[in-house]
Amino acid sequence: MATRQLNTSIESSLYERLERLATRTGRHYAAEFIERGLNDLEDHHLLKDALQEFYDSDEDSIAHEDVDWDALGR
Protein backbone atom coordinates (compact mmCIF):
# COMPACT_ATOMS: atom_id res chain seq x y z
CA MET A 1 0.00 0.00 0.00
CA ALA A 2 1.37 3.39 -0.95
CA THR A 3 1.49 5.91 1.85
CA ARG A 4 1.50 9.68 2.02
CA GLN A 5 2.48 11.94 4.87
CA LEU A 6 -0.08 14.20 6.51
CA ASN A 7 1.06 17.13 8.61
CA THR A 8 -1.57 18.56 10.92
CA SER A 9 -1.92 20.26 14.27
CA ILE A 10 -3.76 18.70 17.19
CA GLU A 11 -4.32 19.76 20.78
CA SER A 12 -1.38 19.10 23.07
CA SER A 13 -3.45 16.86 25.34
CA LEU A 14 -4.44 14.67 22.40
CA TYR A 15 -0.84 14.45 21.20
CA GLU A 16 0.30 13.45 24.68
CA ARG A 17 -2.33 10.73 24.86
CA LEU A 18 -1.19 9.34 21.51
CA GLU A 19 2.43 9.39 22.66
CA ARG A 20 1.60 7.61 25.93
CA LEU A 21 -0.29 4.93 24.03
CA ALA A 22 2.56 4.50 21.55
CA THR A 23 5.07 4.22 24.39
CA ARG A 24 2.94 1.66 26.24
CA THR A 25 2.17 -0.49 23.18
CA GLY A 26 5.12 0.11 20.88
CA ARG A 27 2.74 1.09 18.06
CA HIS A 28 1.56 4.36 16.57
CA TYR A 29 -2.20 4.48 16.08
CA ALA A 30 -2.84 7.86 14.43
CA ALA A 31 -3.40 6.42 10.95
CA GLU A 32 -5.74 3.76 12.34
CA PHE A 33 -7.75 6.37 14.23
CA ILE A 34 -8.02 8.55 11.13
CA GLU A 35 -9.21 5.59 9.06
CA ARG A 36 -11.85 4.60 11.63
CA GLY A 37 -13.07 8.18 11.97
CA LEU A 38 -13.20 8.62 8.21
CA ASN A 39 -15.19 5.40 7.84
CA ASP A 40 -17.66 6.63 10.45
CA LEU A 41 -18.00 10.04 8.79
CA GLU A 42 -18.52 8.49 5.35
CA ASP A 43 -21.21 6.19 6.75
CA HIS A 44 -22.88 9.12 8.50
CA HIS A 45 -23.07 11.18 5.32
CA LEU A 46 -24.23 8.24 3.17
CA LEU A 47 -27.03 7.54 5.63
CA LYS A 48 -27.92 11.22 5.92
CA ASP A 49 -28.14 11.50 2.12
CA ALA A 50 -30.22 8.29 1.87
CA LEU A 51 -32.63 9.56 4.51
CA GLN A 52 -33.01 12.90 2.73
CA GLU A 53 -33.60 11.06 -0.56
CA PHE A 54 -36.37 9.07 1.13
CA TYR A 55 -37.95 12.23 2.58
CA ASP A 56 -37.83 13.89 -0.84
CA SER A 57 -39.44 10.86 -2.53
CA ASP A 58 -42.75 11.18 -0.66
CA GLU A 59 -42.84 7.37 -0.41
CA ASP A 60 -44.78 5.84 2.45
CA SER A 61 -42.81 4.36 5.28
CA ILE A 62 -43.44 0.92 6.76
CA ALA A 63 -43.83 0.46 10.50
CA HIS A 64 -41.00 -1.54 12.06
CA GLU A 65 -43.37 -4.23 13.28
CA ASP A 66 -44.83 -4.65 9.76
CA VAL A 67 -41.50 -5.46 8.11
CA ASP A 68 -41.08 -9.10 7.06
CA TRP A 69 -37.48 -9.40 8.32
CA ASP A 70 -37.19 -13.04 7.22
CA ALA A 71 -37.98 -12.10 3.61
CA LEU A 72 -35.26 -9.45 3.42
CA GLY A 73 -32.18 -10.45 1.47
CA ARG A 74 -33.89 -13.19 -0.52
C-alpha atoms as a PDB file:
ATOM      1  CA  MET A   1       0.000   0.000   0.000  1.00  0.00           C
ATOM      2  CA  ALA A   2       1.371   3.389  -0.953  1.00  0.00           C
ATOM      3  CA  THR A   3       1.490   5.906   1.848  1.00  0.00           C
ATOM      4  CA  ARG A   4       1.502   9.676   2.016  1.00  0.00           C
ATOM      5  CA  GLN A   5       2.483  11.936   4.868  1.00  0.00           C
ATOM      6  CA  LEU A   6      -0.083  14.198   6.510  1.00  0.00           C
ATOM      7  CA  ASN A   7       1.058  17.129   8.611  1.00  0.00           C
ATOM      8  CA  THR A   8      -1.571  18.563  10.918  1.00  0.00           C
ATOM      9  CA  SER A   9      -1.923  20.263  14.273  1.00  0.00           C
ATOM     10  CA  ILE A  10      -3.764  18.705  17.194  1.00  0.00           C
ATOM     11  CA  GLU A  11      -4.322  19.765  20.778  1.00  0.00           C
ATOM     12  CA  SER A  12      -1.380  19.103  23.075  1.00  0.00           C
ATOM     13  CA  SER A  13      -3.453  16.861  25.343  1.00  0.00           C
ATOM     14  CA  LEU A  14      -4.440  14.666  22.399  1.00  0.00           C
ATOM     15  CA  TYR A  15      -0.843  14.451  21.205  1.00  0.00           C
ATOM     16  CA  GLU A  16       0.305  13.451  24.681  1.00  0.00           C
ATOM     17  CA  ARG A  17      -2.331  10.728  24.865  1.00  0.00           C
ATOM     18  CA  LEU A  18      -1.189   9.343  21.506  1.00  0.00           C
ATOM     19  CA  GLU A  19       2.435   9.390  22.660  1.00  0.00           C
ATOM     20  CA  ARG A  20       1.599   7.606  25.926  1.00  0.00           C
ATOM     21  CA  LEU A  21      -0.289   4.926  24.028  1.00  0.00           C
ATOM     22  CA  ALA A  22       2.556   4.499  21.546  1.00  0.00           C
ATOM     23  CA  THR A  23       5.073   4.218  24.393  1.00  0.00           C
ATOM     24  CA  ARG A  24       2.944   1.663  26.237  1.00  0.00           C
ATOM     25  CA  THR A  25       2.169  -0.485  23.175  1.00  0.00           C
ATOM     26  CA  GLY A  26       5.123   0.111  20.878  1.00  0.00           C
ATOM     27  CA  ARG A  27       2.743   1.086  18.061  1.00  0.00           C
ATOM     28  CA  HIS A  28       1.562   4.358  16.566  1.00  0.00           C
ATOM     29  CA  TYR A  29      -2.196   4.484  16.082  1.00  0.00           C
ATOM     30  CA  ALA A  30      -2.844   7.863  14.433  1.00  0.00           C
ATOM     31  CA  ALA A  31      -3.402   6.421  10.945  1.00  0.00           C
ATOM     32  CA  GLU A  32      -5.744   3.757  12.338  1.00  0.00           C
ATOM     33  CA  PHE A  33      -7.754   6.370  14.232  1.00  0.00           C
ATOM     34  CA  ILE A  34      -8.024   8.553  11.128  1.00  0.00           C
ATOM     35  CA  GLU A  35      -9.214   5.592   9.061  1.00  0.00           C
ATOM     36  CA  ARG A  36     -11.849   4.602  11.633  1.00  0.00           C
ATOM     37  CA  GLY A  37     -13.071   8.177  11.971  1.00  0.00           C
ATOM     38  CA  LEU A  38     -13.197   8.616   8.206  1.00  0.00           C
ATOM     39  CA  ASN A  39     -15.189   5.395   7.842  1.00  0.00           C
ATOM     40  CA  ASP A  40     -17.663   6.632  10.450  1.00  0.00           C
ATOM     41  CA  LEU A  41     -18.005  10.042   8.787  1.00  0.00           C
ATOM     42  CA  GLU A  42     -18.515   8.492   5.351  1.00  0.00           C
ATOM     43  CA  ASP A  43     -21.207   6.187   6.751  1.00  0.00           C
ATOM     44  CA  HIS A  44     -22.885   9.119   8.501  1.00  0.00           C
ATOM     45  CA  HIS A  45     -23.075  11.180   5.320  1.00  0.00           C
ATOM     46  CA  LEU A  46     -24.229   8.241   3.174  1.00  0.00           C
ATOM     47  CA  LEU A  47     -27.033   7.537   5.634  1.00  0.00           C
ATOM     48  CA  LYS A  48     -27.923  11.216   5.919  1.00  0.00           C
ATOM     49  CA  ASP A  49     -28.142  11.496   2.116  1.00  0.00           C
ATOM     50  CA  ALA A  50     -30.216   8.294   1.867  1.00  0.00           C
ATOM     51  CA  LEU A  51     -32.625   9.564   4.508  1.00  0.00           C
ATOM     52  CA  GLN A  52     -33.006  12.895   2.730  1.00  0.00           C
ATOM     53  CA  GLU A  53     -33.596  11.058  -0.557  1.00  0.00           C
ATOM     54  CA  PHE A  54     -36.374   9.066   1.128  1.00  0.00           C
ATOM     55  CA  TYR A  55     -37.950  12.225   2.576  1.00  0.00           C
ATOM     56  CA  ASP A  56     -37.831  13.891  -0.840  1.00  0.00           C
ATOM     57  CA  SER A  57     -39.437  10.863  -2.533  1.00  0.00           C
ATOM     58  CA  ASP A  58     -42.754  11.179  -0.656  1.00  0.00           C
ATOM     59  CA  GLU A  59     -42.839   7.373  -0.407  1.00  0.00           C
ATOM     60  CA  ASP A  60     -44.781   5.845   2.448  1.00  0.00           C
ATOM     61  CA  SER A  61     -42.806   4.360   5.282  1.00  0.00           C
ATOM     62  CA  ILE A  62     -43.439   0.922   6.759  1.00  0.00           C
ATOM     63  CA  ALA A  63     -43.825   0.457  10.497  1.00  0.00           C
ATOM     64  CA  HIS A  64     -41.002  -1.544  12.058  1.00  0.00           C
ATOM     65  CA  GLU A  65     -43.368  -4.232  13.285  1.00  0.00           C
ATOM     66  CA  ASP A  66     -44.831  -4.652   9.763  1.00  0.00           C
ATOM     67  CA  VAL A  67     -41.505  -5.464   8.106  1.00  0.00           C
ATOM     68  CA  ASP A  68     -41.078  -9.099   7.056  1.00  0.00           C
ATOM     69  CA  TRP A  69     -37.484  -9.400   8.319  1.00  0.00           C
ATOM     70  CA  ASP A  70     -37.193 -13.036   7.218  1.00  0.00           C
ATOM     71  CA  ALA A  71     -37.981 -12.104   3.608  1.00  0.00           C
ATOM     72  CA  LEU A  72     -35.263  -9.447   3.425  1.00  0.00           C
ATOM     73  CA  GLY A  73     -32.181 -10.446   1.473  1.00  0.00           C
ATOM     74  CA  ARG A  74     -33.886 -13.190  -0.515  1.00  0.00           C
END
